[in-house]
Amino acid sequence: MHFQYISLAIATTLVALSQADKEITVKNNCPTTITVGVLTNGVSAGAPEMSFDLTQGATNSFSKADSWGGRVWGRYMCSGSAGKDLSKCGVPGASNPASLAEFFFKGTGGKDFYDISLVDGFNIPMNIEPTGGANPSGYSCGSPQCHITSCPKEFSVLDSTGNVISCQSDCSKSGSAEDCCTGEHNDPNVCKAGENAAAIKEACPDAYSFAYDDQKSTYECAAESFTVNFC
């Protein structure tokens, strides 16, 4: 009986842990294969901790702890390696930006916070859909989306064959304190959207276009799960 009790206790604990996890489903609605990357906040890595390819119409789901914070992104032309330029296929940054679906689970008030970030730039259209939240409205359990596809020539990121694969932001292009809200500009009352960031915000009002765009970009919900749709 003693061993049965221990087994039951362990089983109960495992069930509780699995119930606490949140599922993120990624769906590819794009006309071609995309490569999806996932990275936990605070992890410094040259490559995503999780990466998988999704063909047109395919989905993939994974679970994260209910206290997880991290980001999900997608890229074109990064599956396989034969004859391809993969130099821009790593973790997104200033030189290889990507549209980001960002999550911070179990934040203030036990709610999940999520957003679409174009702070470093953008590439593939996306939206985020929470499931299980009560009375979705606006920034409470809403579904942010961004379907911008055009990029000014001076902000375009090209692969080795001249294809436009992503678009830089003011910050990733200039690296200046004014555009990146750093140094003496690290203040929401001081740092404002640059010309390109303002144009991006107009095209994608749901998304972050610069670092201090919180009031018009952050969504919250006590959700059971989330879906990230590309295209």
Protein backbone atom coordinates (compact mmCIF):
# COMPACT_ATOMS: atom_id res chain seq x y z
CA MET A 1 0.00 0.00 0.00
CA HIS A 2 2.86 2.32 0.76
CA PHE A 3 4.22 2.07 -2.79
CA GLN A 4 0.76 2.48 -4.28
CA TYR A 5 0.37 5.71 -2.33
CA ILE A 6 3.68 7.06 -3.64
CA SER A 7 2.76 6.15 -7.22
CA LEU A 8 -0.60 7.88 -6.90
CA ALA A 9 1.00 10.99 -5.45
CA ILE A 10 3.54 11.13 -8.26
CA ALA A 11 0.84 10.61 -10.88
CA THR A 12 -1.28 13.36 -9.35
CA THR A 13 1.68 15.73 -9.36
CA LEU A 14 2.44 15.00 -13.00
CA VAL A 15 -1.17 15.64 -13.98
CA ALA A 16 -1.14 18.93 -12.09
CA LEU A 17 2.05 19.98 -13.82
CA SER A 18 0.70 19.11 -17.26
CA GLN A 19 -2.51 21.00 -16.56
CA ALA A 20 -0.47 24.09 -15.60
CA ASP A 21 1.32 24.14 -18.96
CA LYS A 22 -0.01 26.29 -21.78
CA GLU A 23 -0.18 25.12 -25.36
CA ILE A 24 0.93 27.27 -28.27
CA THR A 25 -0.18 26.17 -31.73
CA VAL A 26 1.53 27.55 -34.81
CA LYS A 27 -0.25 27.44 -38.17
CA ASN A 28 1.21 28.22 -41.59
CA ASN A 29 -1.33 29.88 -43.87
CA CYS A 30 1.42 31.08 -46.21
CA PRO A 31 1.74 29.74 -49.77
CA THR A 32 5.14 28.17 -49.07
CA THR A 33 7.04 26.38 -46.30
CA ILE A 34 8.17 28.45 -43.33
CA THR A 35 10.67 27.68 -40.58
CA VAL A 36 9.43 28.51 -37.07
CA GLY A 37 11.75 29.41 -34.20
CA VAL A 38 11.08 29.59 -30.46
CA LEU A 39 13.30 31.19 -27.79
CA THR A 40 12.85 31.76 -24.06
CA ASN A 41 13.44 35.27 -22.69
CA GLY A 42 16.89 35.74 -21.19
CA VAL A 43 18.45 32.89 -23.15
CA SER A 44 21.44 34.00 -25.19
CA ALA A 45 21.75 31.73 -28.19
CA GLY A 46 22.89 31.86 -31.77
CA ALA A 47 20.12 29.46 -32.70
CA PRO A 48 16.53 29.01 -31.49
CA GLU A 49 15.98 26.46 -28.73
CA MET A 50 13.20 24.96 -30.84
CA SER A 51 12.85 25.03 -34.61
CA PHE A 52 10.57 23.25 -37.06
CA ASP A 53 9.35 23.53 -40.63
CA LEU A 54 5.69 23.94 -41.53
CA THR A 55 4.44 23.30 -45.04
CA GLN A 56 1.47 25.25 -46.40
CA GLY A 57 -1.59 24.63 -44.21
CA ALA A 58 0.33 22.64 -41.58
CA THR A 59 0.19 23.17 -37.80
CA ASN A 60 2.41 22.23 -34.87
CA SER A 61 1.76 22.57 -31.15
CA PHE A 62 4.08 22.70 -28.15
CA SER A 63 3.63 23.35 -24.43
CA LYS A 64 5.37 25.79 -22.12
CA ALA A 65 5.16 26.27 -18.35
CA ASP A 66 2.51 28.72 -17.21
CA SER A 67 5.27 31.08 -16.05
CA TRP A 68 7.07 31.06 -19.41
CA GLY A 69 8.14 34.14 -21.30
CA GLY A 70 9.51 34.02 -24.82
CA ARG A 71 9.00 34.63 -28.50
CA VAL A 72 7.93 32.81 -31.64
CA TRP A 73 8.82 33.77 -35.20
CA GLY A 74 8.80 32.42 -38.72
CA ARG A 75 11.02 32.73 -41.77
CA TYR A 76 10.84 31.94 -45.46
CA MET A 77 13.65 30.14 -47.30
CA CYS A 78 15.28 28.71 -44.18
CA SER A 79 14.30 25.04 -44.48
CA GLY A 80 17.03 22.66 -45.63
CA SER A 81 20.44 23.87 -46.69
CA ALA A 82 21.28 22.84 -50.25
CA GLY A 83 22.18 25.90 -52.31
CA LYS A 84 20.57 28.34 -49.87
CA ASP A 85 21.85 31.39 -48.05
CA LEU A 86 21.06 30.65 -44.40
CA SER A 87 23.04 33.56 -42.94
CA LYS A 88 19.83 35.41 -42.01
CA CYS A 89 18.06 32.36 -40.53
CA GLY A 90 19.18 32.53 -36.90
CA VAL A 91 17.67 34.23 -33.87
CA PRO A 92 16.14 37.56 -34.98
CA GLY A 93 18.16 40.70 -34.37
CA ALA A 94 19.07 44.03 -35.94
CA SER A 95 20.65 42.51 -39.05
CA ASN A 96 18.08 39.74 -39.57
CA PRO A 97 14.76 40.96 -38.11
CA ALA A 98 11.53 38.98 -38.02
CA SER A 99 7.99 39.68 -36.84
CA LEU A 100 7.76 38.36 -33.27
CA ALA A 101 4.87 36.86 -31.31
CA GLU A 102 5.87 37.59 -27.71
CA PHE A 103 4.43 35.97 -24.58
CA PHE A 104 4.75 36.44 -20.83
CA PHE A 105 2.56 33.96 -18.97
CA LYS A 106 1.15 34.44 -15.47
CA GLY A 107 2.13 38.06 -15.12
CA THR A 108 0.37 40.75 -13.07
CA GLY A 109 -2.94 39.48 -11.72
CA GLY A 110 -2.18 35.99 -12.99
CA LYS A 111 -2.92 37.06 -16.56
CA ASP A 112 -0.98 36.23 -19.71
CA PHE A 113 0.51 39.11 -21.67
CA TYR A 114 1.17 38.87 -25.39
CA ASP A 115 1.98 41.12 -28.32
CA ILE A 116 3.31 41.35 -31.86
CA SER A 117 6.67 43.12 -31.90
CA LEU A 118 8.15 44.84 -34.93
CA VAL A 119 10.70 46.75 -32.83
CA ASP A 120 13.65 45.23 -34.72
CA GLY A 121 11.69 44.93 -37.97
CA PHE A 122 9.29 42.53 -39.66
CA ASN A 123 8.95 39.82 -42.29
CA ILE A 124 5.90 37.52 -42.36
CA PRO A 125 2.30 38.64 -41.64
CA MET A 126 0.95 37.15 -38.39
CA ASN A 127 -1.77 37.23 -35.79
CA ILE A 128 -2.20 35.81 -32.27
CA GLU A 129 -5.43 34.20 -31.10
CA PRO A 130 -6.03 33.39 -27.40
CA THR A 131 -8.39 30.55 -26.52
CA GLY A 132 -10.46 30.32 -23.35
CA GLY A 133 -10.37 33.95 -22.29
CA ALA A 134 -13.54 35.60 -21.03
CA ASN A 135 -15.33 38.36 -22.95
CA PRO A 136 -12.67 39.21 -25.56
CA SER A 137 -12.63 42.92 -26.30
CA GLY A 138 -9.82 45.17 -27.48
CA TYR A 139 -6.62 44.62 -25.53
CA SER A 140 -8.37 42.15 -23.20
CA CYS A 141 -8.24 38.73 -24.89
CA GLY A 142 -8.15 40.40 -28.30
CA SER A 143 -6.34 39.05 -31.37
CA PRO A 144 -3.53 41.36 -32.52
CA GLN A 145 -2.58 41.13 -36.16
CA CYS A 146 -0.14 42.63 -38.62
CA HIS A 147 -0.27 42.06 -42.36
CA ILE A 148 2.24 44.63 -43.60
CA THR A 149 4.15 43.37 -46.64
CA SER A 150 5.82 46.43 -48.20
CA CYS A 151 9.21 47.76 -47.12
CA PRO A 152 11.08 50.96 -48.06
CA LYS A 153 14.16 50.12 -50.13
CA GLU A 154 16.56 51.66 -47.61
CA PHE A 155 15.23 49.37 -44.84
CA SER A 156 15.16 46.16 -46.90
CA VAL A 157 17.26 43.15 -45.83
CA LEU A 158 18.42 41.05 -48.78
CA ASP A 159 19.76 37.53 -49.07
CA SER A 160 22.80 36.69 -51.21
CA THR A 161 20.65 36.48 -54.35
CA GLY A 162 19.01 39.88 -53.86
CA ASN A 163 15.65 38.68 -52.51
CA VAL A 164 14.02 40.92 -49.89
CA ILE A 165 13.61 38.65 -46.85
CA SER A 166 12.77 41.16 -44.10
CA CYS A 167 12.53 44.84 -43.25
CA GLN A 168 14.52 46.71 -40.62
CA SER A 169 13.10 49.21 -38.14
CA ASP A 170 14.45 52.66 -37.34
CA CYS A 171 16.35 51.17 -34.40
CA SER A 172 17.90 48.20 -36.20
CA LYS A 173 18.84 50.42 -39.15
CA SER A 174 20.48 53.30 -37.27
CA GLY A 175 21.33 51.79 -33.88
CA SER A 176 21.00 55.27 -32.39
CA ALA A 177 19.92 55.94 -28.82
CA GLU A 178 17.10 58.12 -30.12
CA ASP A 179 15.64 55.35 -32.30
CA CYS A 180 16.37 52.51 -29.85
CA CYS A 181 15.20 54.29 -26.66
CA THR A 182 18.55 53.78 -24.93
CA GLY A 183 20.87 56.04 -22.93
CA GLU A 184 19.31 59.42 -22.24
CA HIS A 185 16.35 58.38 -24.42
CA ASN A 186 15.50 55.41 -22.18
CA ASP A 187 12.34 57.10 -20.97
CA PRO A 188 8.77 56.75 -22.31
CA ASN A 189 8.33 60.50 -21.95
CA VAL A 190 11.39 61.16 -24.10
CA CYS A 191 11.58 58.36 -26.67
CA LYS A 192 9.02 58.67 -29.45
CA ALA A 193 8.37 56.83 -32.71
CA GLY A 194 10.62 57.77 -35.61
CA GLU A 195 9.31 58.39 -39.12
CA ASN A 196 9.50 54.73 -40.19
CA ALA A 197 8.14 53.48 -36.85
CA ALA A 198 5.17 55.84 -37.19
CA ALA A 199 4.48 54.54 -40.71
CA ILE A 200 4.67 50.93 -39.48
CA LYS A 201 2.30 51.74 -36.61
CA GLU A 202 -0.18 53.23 -39.06
CA ALA A 203 -0.03 50.06 -41.17
CA CYS A 204 -0.11 47.73 -38.13
CA PRO A 205 -1.84 49.54 -35.24
CA ASP A 206 -1.96 46.36 -33.12
CA ALA A 207 1.82 45.86 -33.07
CA TYR A 208 4.81 47.38 -31.29
CA SER A 209 6.74 49.61 -33.70
CA PHE A 210 9.24 50.99 -31.16
CA ALA A 211 10.35 50.11 -27.63
CA TYR A 212 7.92 52.32 -25.66
CA ASP A 213 4.80 51.53 -27.67
CA ASP A 214 3.27 49.63 -24.71
CA GLN A 215 -0.04 51.42 -24.27
CA LYS A 216 -1.26 50.59 -27.77
CA SER A 217 0.37 47.20 -28.25
CA THR A 218 0.18 44.99 -25.13
CA TYR A 219 -2.65 42.47 -24.80
CA GLU A 220 -3.65 40.49 -21.70
CA CYS A 221 -5.84 37.47 -21.11
CA ALA A 222 -6.28 34.56 -18.69
CA ALA A 223 -6.15 32.18 -21.65
CA GLU A 224 -5.97 28.40 -21.82
CA SER A 225 -3.90 28.35 -25.01
CA PHE A 226 -2.74 30.48 -27.94
CA THR A 227 -2.52 30.13 -31.71
CA VAL A 228 0.04 32.00 -33.81
CA ASN A 229 -1.09 32.23 -37.43
CA PHE A 230 1.38 33.13 -40.16
CA CYS A 231 -0.15 34.80 -43.24
